[in-house]
Amino acid sequence: MTTLPMNRILVTTDGSELGQHALTHAQGLAGALGAELTVLSIQTDPLVAAYGEHAYAMPTPKKAWTS
């Protein structure tokens, strides 16, 4: 059986206790294998958290950015 080298590891976290545990485990694994570790942090959109998945915010017009 041939095994492929693990050069890169991607771990996602949402800031929860379980996410922190996954990050700690991934750090140890990456260190042991000499692999590159990429962390993707998932955050909840405040509008979705407050109003549900159908929340929508109108985009800000570009000319409003400059005064």
N, C-alpha and C. Protein backbone atom coordinates (compact mmCIF):
# COMPACT_ATOMS: atom_id res chain seq x y z
N MET A 1 0.84 -1.18 0.00
CA MET A 1 0.00 0.00 0.00
C MET A 1 0.89 1.25 0.00
N THR A 2 0.62 2.16 -0.92
CA THR A 2 1.39 3.39 -1.04
C THR A 2 0.66 4.52 -0.32
N THR A 3 1.39 5.28 0.46
CA THR A 3 0.80 6.44 1.12
C THR A 3 1.37 7.71 0.51
N LEU A 4 0.52 8.70 0.39
CA LEU A 4 0.94 9.99 -0.16
C LEU A 4 1.40 10.91 0.96
N PRO A 5 2.41 11.72 0.71
CA PRO A 5 2.86 12.65 1.75
C PRO A 5 1.80 13.73 1.99
N MET A 6 1.66 14.13 3.24
CA MET A 6 0.73 15.19 3.59
C MET A 6 1.55 16.47 3.75
N ASN A 7 1.49 17.34 2.74
CA ASN A 7 2.28 18.57 2.75
C ASN A 7 1.49 19.77 3.26
N ARG A 8 0.18 19.71 3.13
CA ARG A 8 -0.67 20.83 3.52
C ARG A 8 -1.87 20.32 4.28
N ILE A 9 -2.24 21.07 5.32
CA ILE A 9 -3.42 20.73 6.13
C ILE A 9 -4.28 21.98 6.21
N LEU A 10 -5.57 21.82 5.98
CA LEU A 10 -6.54 22.91 6.12
C LEU A 10 -7.44 22.57 7.31
N VAL A 11 -7.53 23.48 8.26
CA VAL A 11 -8.43 23.28 9.40
C VAL A 11 -9.35 24.49 9.48
N THR A 12 -10.62 24.23 9.75
CA THR A 12 -11.59 25.31 9.92
C THR A 12 -11.96 25.42 11.39
N THR A 13 -12.27 26.62 11.82
CA THR A 13 -12.70 26.84 13.19
C THR A 13 -13.76 27.94 13.22
N ASP A 14 -14.68 27.79 14.16
CA ASP A 14 -15.72 28.80 14.35
C ASP A 14 -15.55 29.52 15.68
N GLY A 15 -14.41 29.28 16.32
CA GLY A 15 -14.14 29.93 17.60
C GLY A 15 -14.71 29.17 18.79
N SER A 16 -15.41 28.08 18.55
CA SER A 16 -16.00 27.30 19.64
C SER A 16 -14.92 26.44 20.32
N GLU A 17 -15.31 25.81 21.41
CA GLU A 17 -14.38 24.93 22.12
C GLU A 17 -13.96 23.76 21.23
N LEU A 18 -14.89 23.20 20.48
CA LEU A 18 -14.55 22.10 19.57
C LEU A 18 -13.64 22.59 18.44
N GLY A 19 -13.91 23.80 17.95
CA GLY A 19 -13.05 24.37 16.92
C GLY A 19 -11.63 24.57 17.42
N GLN A 20 -11.49 25.00 18.66
CA GLN A 20 -10.16 25.18 19.25
C GLN A 20 -9.46 23.84 19.40
N HIS A 21 -10.21 22.80 19.76
CA HIS A 21 -9.64 21.45 19.89
C HIS A 21 -9.14 20.97 18.52
N ALA A 22 -9.93 21.21 17.47
CA ALA A 22 -9.51 20.80 16.13
C ALA A 22 -8.24 21.55 15.71
N LEU A 23 -8.16 22.84 16.04
CA LEU A 23 -6.98 23.63 15.69
C LEU A 23 -5.75 23.11 16.42
N THR A 24 -5.89 22.81 17.70
CA THR A 24 -4.77 22.28 18.47
C THR A 24 -4.28 20.95 17.88
N HIS A 25 -5.22 20.08 17.53
CA HIS A 25 -4.88 18.79 16.94
C HIS A 25 -4.17 18.99 15.59
N ALA A 26 -4.70 19.90 14.78
CA ALA A 26 -4.10 20.16 13.46
C ALA A 26 -2.69 20.73 13.60
N GLN A 27 -2.47 21.59 14.58
CA GLN A 27 -1.13 22.14 14.81
C GLN A 27 -0.14 21.03 15.14
N GLY A 28 -0.54 20.12 16.00
CA GLY A 28 0.33 19.00 16.36
C GLY A 28 0.62 18.10 15.17
N LEU A 29 -0.41 17.82 14.38
CA LEU A 29 -0.24 16.97 13.20
C LEU A 29 0.67 17.63 12.18
N ALA A 30 0.45 18.93 11.94
CA ALA A 30 1.29 19.65 10.97
C ALA A 30 2.74 19.68 11.43
N GLY A 31 2.95 19.89 12.72
CA GLY A 31 4.32 19.89 13.25
C GLY A 31 4.99 18.53 13.10
N ALA A 32 4.25 17.48 13.39
CA ALA A 32 4.81 16.13 13.31
C ALA A 32 5.14 15.74 11.87
N LEU A 33 4.34 16.22 10.93
CA LEU A 33 4.54 15.86 9.52
C LEU A 33 5.38 16.87 8.75
N GLY A 34 5.67 18.01 9.38
CA GLY A 34 6.37 19.07 8.66
C GLY A 34 5.50 19.67 7.57
N ALA A 35 4.19 19.69 7.80
CA ALA A 35 3.24 20.18 6.79
C ALA A 35 2.89 21.64 7.04
N GLU A 36 2.46 22.30 5.98
CA GLU A 36 1.98 23.68 6.06
C GLU A 36 0.55 23.65 6.58
N LEU A 37 0.23 24.52 7.55
CA LEU A 37 -1.10 24.56 8.14
C LEU A 37 -1.80 25.85 7.72
N THR A 38 -2.99 25.71 7.15
CA THR A 38 -3.82 26.85 6.80
C THR A 38 -5.06 26.80 7.68
N VAL A 39 -5.38 27.94 8.31
CA VAL A 39 -6.54 28.02 9.20
C VAL A 39 -7.59 28.90 8.54
N LEU A 40 -8.81 28.38 8.48
CA LEU A 40 -9.95 29.13 7.95
C LEU A 40 -10.91 29.36 9.09
N SER A 41 -11.13 30.62 9.42
CA SER A 41 -12.02 30.98 10.53
C SER A 41 -13.39 31.32 9.97
N ILE A 42 -14.41 30.64 10.44
CA ILE A 42 -15.77 30.85 9.99
C ILE A 42 -16.49 31.73 11.01
N GLN A 43 -17.07 32.80 10.53
CA GLN A 43 -17.82 33.70 11.39
C GLN A 43 -19.26 33.81 10.91
N THR A 44 -20.17 33.99 11.83
CA THR A 44 -21.58 34.15 11.48
C THR A 44 -21.83 35.59 11.05
N ASP A 45 -22.56 35.76 9.96
CA ASP A 45 -22.97 37.08 9.52
C ASP A 45 -23.94 37.64 10.55
N PRO A 46 -23.70 38.84 11.10
CA PRO A 46 -24.58 39.38 12.14
C PRO A 46 -26.04 39.51 11.69
N LEU A 47 -26.27 39.84 10.42
CA LEU A 47 -27.65 39.94 9.95
C LEU A 47 -28.35 38.59 9.96
N VAL A 48 -27.63 37.56 9.55
CA VAL A 48 -28.21 36.22 9.54
C VAL A 48 -28.47 35.77 10.97
N ALA A 49 -27.54 36.05 11.87
CA ALA A 49 -27.73 35.66 13.27
C ALA A 49 -28.95 36.35 13.88
N ALA A 50 -29.16 37.61 13.52
CA ALA A 50 -30.26 38.38 14.11
C ALA A 50 -31.60 38.11 13.43
N TYR A 51 -31.60 37.97 12.09
CA TYR A 51 -32.86 37.93 11.36
C TYR A 51 -33.12 36.64 10.60
N GLY A 52 -32.20 35.69 10.63
CA GLY A 52 -32.41 34.43 9.93
C GLY A 52 -31.71 34.42 8.58
N GLU A 53 -31.74 33.26 7.93
CA GLU A 53 -30.98 33.07 6.71
C GLU A 53 -31.47 33.88 5.52
N HIS A 54 -32.66 34.46 5.60
CA HIS A 54 -33.18 35.24 4.48
C HIS A 54 -32.92 36.74 4.65
N ALA A 55 -32.10 37.11 5.63
CA ALA A 55 -31.76 38.52 5.85
C ALA A 55 -31.00 39.06 4.65
N TYR A 56 -31.26 40.29 4.30
CA TYR A 56 -30.59 40.90 3.16
C TYR A 56 -30.30 42.35 3.49
N ALA A 57 -29.12 42.80 3.19
CA ALA A 57 -28.74 44.20 3.39
C ALA A 57 -28.45 44.80 2.02
N MET A 58 -29.01 45.95 1.77
CA MET A 58 -28.76 46.64 0.50
C MET A 58 -27.30 47.07 0.46
N PRO A 59 -26.63 46.87 -0.66
CA PRO A 59 -25.24 47.32 -0.77
C PRO A 59 -25.17 48.84 -0.69
N THR A 60 -24.08 49.33 -0.14
CA THR A 60 -23.86 50.77 -0.05
C THR A 60 -23.41 51.28 -1.41
N PRO A 61 -24.10 52.32 -1.93
CA PRO A 61 -23.65 52.86 -3.23
C PRO A 61 -22.21 53.36 -3.15
N LYS A 62 -21.46 53.14 -4.22
CA LYS A 62 -20.03 53.49 -4.22
C LYS A 62 -19.83 54.98 -3.97
N LYS A 63 -20.71 55.83 -4.50
CA LYS A 63 -20.50 57.28 -4.30
C LYS A 63 -20.69 57.69 -2.85
N ALA A 64 -21.34 56.84 -2.03
CA ALA A 64 -21.48 57.15 -0.62
C ALA A 64 -20.15 56.96 0.13
N TRP A 65 -19.21 56.25 -0.49
CA TRP A 65 -17.91 56.03 0.14
C TRP A 65 -17.05 57.29 0.14
N THR A 66 -17.28 58.15 -0.83
CA THR A 66 -16.47 59.37 -0.94
C THR A 66 -17.35 60.57 -0.63
N SER A 67 -16.86 61.46 0.19
CA SER A 67 -17.64 62.64 0.57
C SER A 67 -17.06 63.88 -0.08
